[in-house]
Amino acid sequence: MDEDFITLEVEEEGRGRLQFELPLDITDEEIAYIKSLVPRAESGLLELLDPDTGEVVFSCTPVLVH
């Protein structure tokens, strides 16, 4: 695999980028799943939702770094 990272751009009333470093043993199916996650930014949280179930599979509170 040529990619070491997956980058997710989030632009909704602001801009941001979330970058995942991938483990060496990740499968193509796992990469496809990560890329399919739906971002949602609200109430100060960044969440990634499973596209099939709508379940939150990742959540974080971004911090502005100067």
C-alpha atoms as a PDB file:
ATOM      1  CA  MET A   1       0.000   0.000   0.000  1.00  0.00           C
ATOM      2  CA  ASP A   2       1.366   3.427  -0.970  1.00  0.00           C
ATOM      3  CA  GLU A   3      -0.566   5.533   1.571  1.00  0.00           C
ATOM      4  CA  ASP A   4       0.663   5.954   5.127  1.00  0.00           C
ATOM      5  CA  PHE A   5      -2.159   8.297   6.115  1.00  0.00           C
ATOM      6  CA  ILE A   6      -5.838   8.907   5.478  1.00  0.00           C
ATOM      7  CA  THR A   7      -6.795  12.573   5.625  1.00  0.00           C
ATOM      8  CA  LEU A   8     -10.359  13.688   6.268  1.00  0.00           C
ATOM      9  CA  GLU A   9     -11.237  17.274   5.374  1.00  0.00           C
ATOM     10  CA  VAL A  10     -14.073  18.807   7.384  1.00  0.00           C
ATOM     11  CA  GLU A  11     -15.623  22.105   6.326  1.00  0.00           C
ATOM     12  CA  GLU A  12     -18.818  23.124   8.052  1.00  0.00           C
ATOM     13  CA  GLU A  13     -18.767  26.588   9.594  1.00  0.00           C
ATOM     14  CA  GLY A  14     -15.006  26.236   9.780  1.00  0.00           C
ATOM     15  CA  ARG A  15     -12.164  24.261   8.390  1.00  0.00           C
ATOM     16  CA  GLY A  16     -10.273  21.319   9.703  1.00  0.00           C
ATOM     17  CA  ARG A  17      -8.316  18.243   8.859  1.00  0.00           C
ATOM     18  CA  LEU A  18      -8.126  14.958  10.680  1.00  0.00           C
ATOM     19  CA  GLN A  19      -5.280  12.693   9.684  1.00  0.00           C
ATOM     20  CA  PHE A  20      -5.085   9.015  10.572  1.00  0.00           C
ATOM     21  CA  GLU A  21      -1.781   7.197  10.599  1.00  0.00           C
ATOM     22  CA  LEU A  22      -2.398   3.675   9.393  1.00  0.00           C
ATOM     23  CA  PRO A  23      -0.901   0.559  10.980  1.00  0.00           C
ATOM     24  CA  LEU A  24       1.273  -1.590   8.746  1.00  0.00           C
ATOM     25  CA  ASP A  25      -1.110  -4.558   8.916  1.00  0.00           C
ATOM     26  CA  ILE A  26      -4.289  -2.710   7.886  1.00  0.00           C
ATOM     27  CA  THR A  27      -6.407  -4.444   5.243  1.00  0.00           C
ATOM     28  CA  ASP A  28      -7.931  -2.915   2.124  1.00  0.00           C
ATOM     29  CA  GLU A  29     -11.386  -3.548   3.623  1.00  0.00           C
ATOM     30  CA  GLU A  30     -10.470  -1.597   6.772  1.00  0.00           C
ATOM     31  CA  ILE A  31      -9.166   1.303   4.683  1.00  0.00           C
ATOM     32  CA  ALA A  32     -12.387   1.350   2.652  1.00  0.00           C
ATOM     33  CA  TYR A  33     -14.430   1.409   5.875  1.00  0.00           C
ATOM     34  CA  ILE A  34     -12.426   4.315   7.324  1.00  0.00           C
ATOM     35  CA  LYS A  35     -12.846   6.257   4.086  1.00  0.00           C
ATOM     36  CA  SER A  36     -16.609   5.601   4.140  1.00  0.00           C
ATOM     37  CA  LEU A  37     -17.169   7.169   7.582  1.00  0.00           C
ATOM     38  CA  VAL A  38     -19.361  10.264   7.571  1.00  0.00           C
ATOM     39  CA  PRO A  39     -18.025  13.319   9.454  1.00  0.00           C
ATOM     40  CA  ARG A  40     -20.302  15.389  11.675  1.00  0.00           C
ATOM     41  CA  ALA A  41     -19.179  18.488  13.545  1.00  0.00           C
ATOM     42  CA  GLU A  42     -21.512  19.934  16.155  1.00  0.00           C
ATOM     43  CA  SER A  43     -21.429  21.253  19.710  1.00  0.00           C
ATOM     44  CA  GLY A  44     -17.636  21.376  19.686  1.00  0.00           C
ATOM     45  CA  LEU A  45     -17.267  17.684  18.825  1.00  0.00           C
ATOM     46  CA  LEU A  46     -16.004  16.009  15.703  1.00  0.00           C
ATOM     47  CA  GLU A  47     -17.693  12.657  15.171  1.00  0.00           C
ATOM     48  CA  LEU A  48     -17.324  10.003  12.521  1.00  0.00           C
ATOM     49  CA  LEU A  49     -20.461   7.995  11.828  1.00  0.00           C
ATOM     50  CA  ASP A  50     -20.857   4.527  10.374  1.00  0.00           C
ATOM     51  CA  PRO A  51     -22.613   5.126   7.020  1.00  0.00           C
ATOM     52  CA  ASP A  52     -24.853   2.056   7.390  1.00  0.00           C
ATOM     53  CA  THR A  53     -25.950   2.324  11.016  1.00  0.00           C
ATOM     54  CA  GLY A  54     -25.445   6.008  11.846  1.00  0.00           C
ATOM     55  CA  GLU A  55     -23.555   4.894  14.969  1.00  0.00           C
ATOM     56  CA  VAL A  56     -20.745   7.152  16.201  1.00  0.00           C
ATOM     57  CA  VAL A  57     -17.518   5.158  15.858  1.00  0.00           C
ATOM     58  CA  PHE A  58     -15.089   7.985  16.637  1.00  0.00           C
ATOM     59  CA  SER A  59     -15.462  11.204  18.618  1.00  0.00           C
ATOM     60  CA  CYS A  60     -13.015  13.882  19.673  1.00  0.00           C
ATOM     61  CA  THR A  61     -12.950  17.456  20.891  1.00  0.00           C
ATOM     62  CA  PRO A  62     -10.678  19.445  18.577  1.00  0.00           C
ATOM     63  CA  VAL A  63      -8.299  21.969  20.097  1.00  0.00           C
ATOM     64  CA  LEU A  64      -7.200  25.081  18.237  1.00  0.00           C
ATOM     65  CA  VAL A  65      -3.404  25.229  18.040  1.00  0.00           C
ATOM     66  CA  HIS A  66      -1.736  28.510  17.121  1.00  0.00           C
END
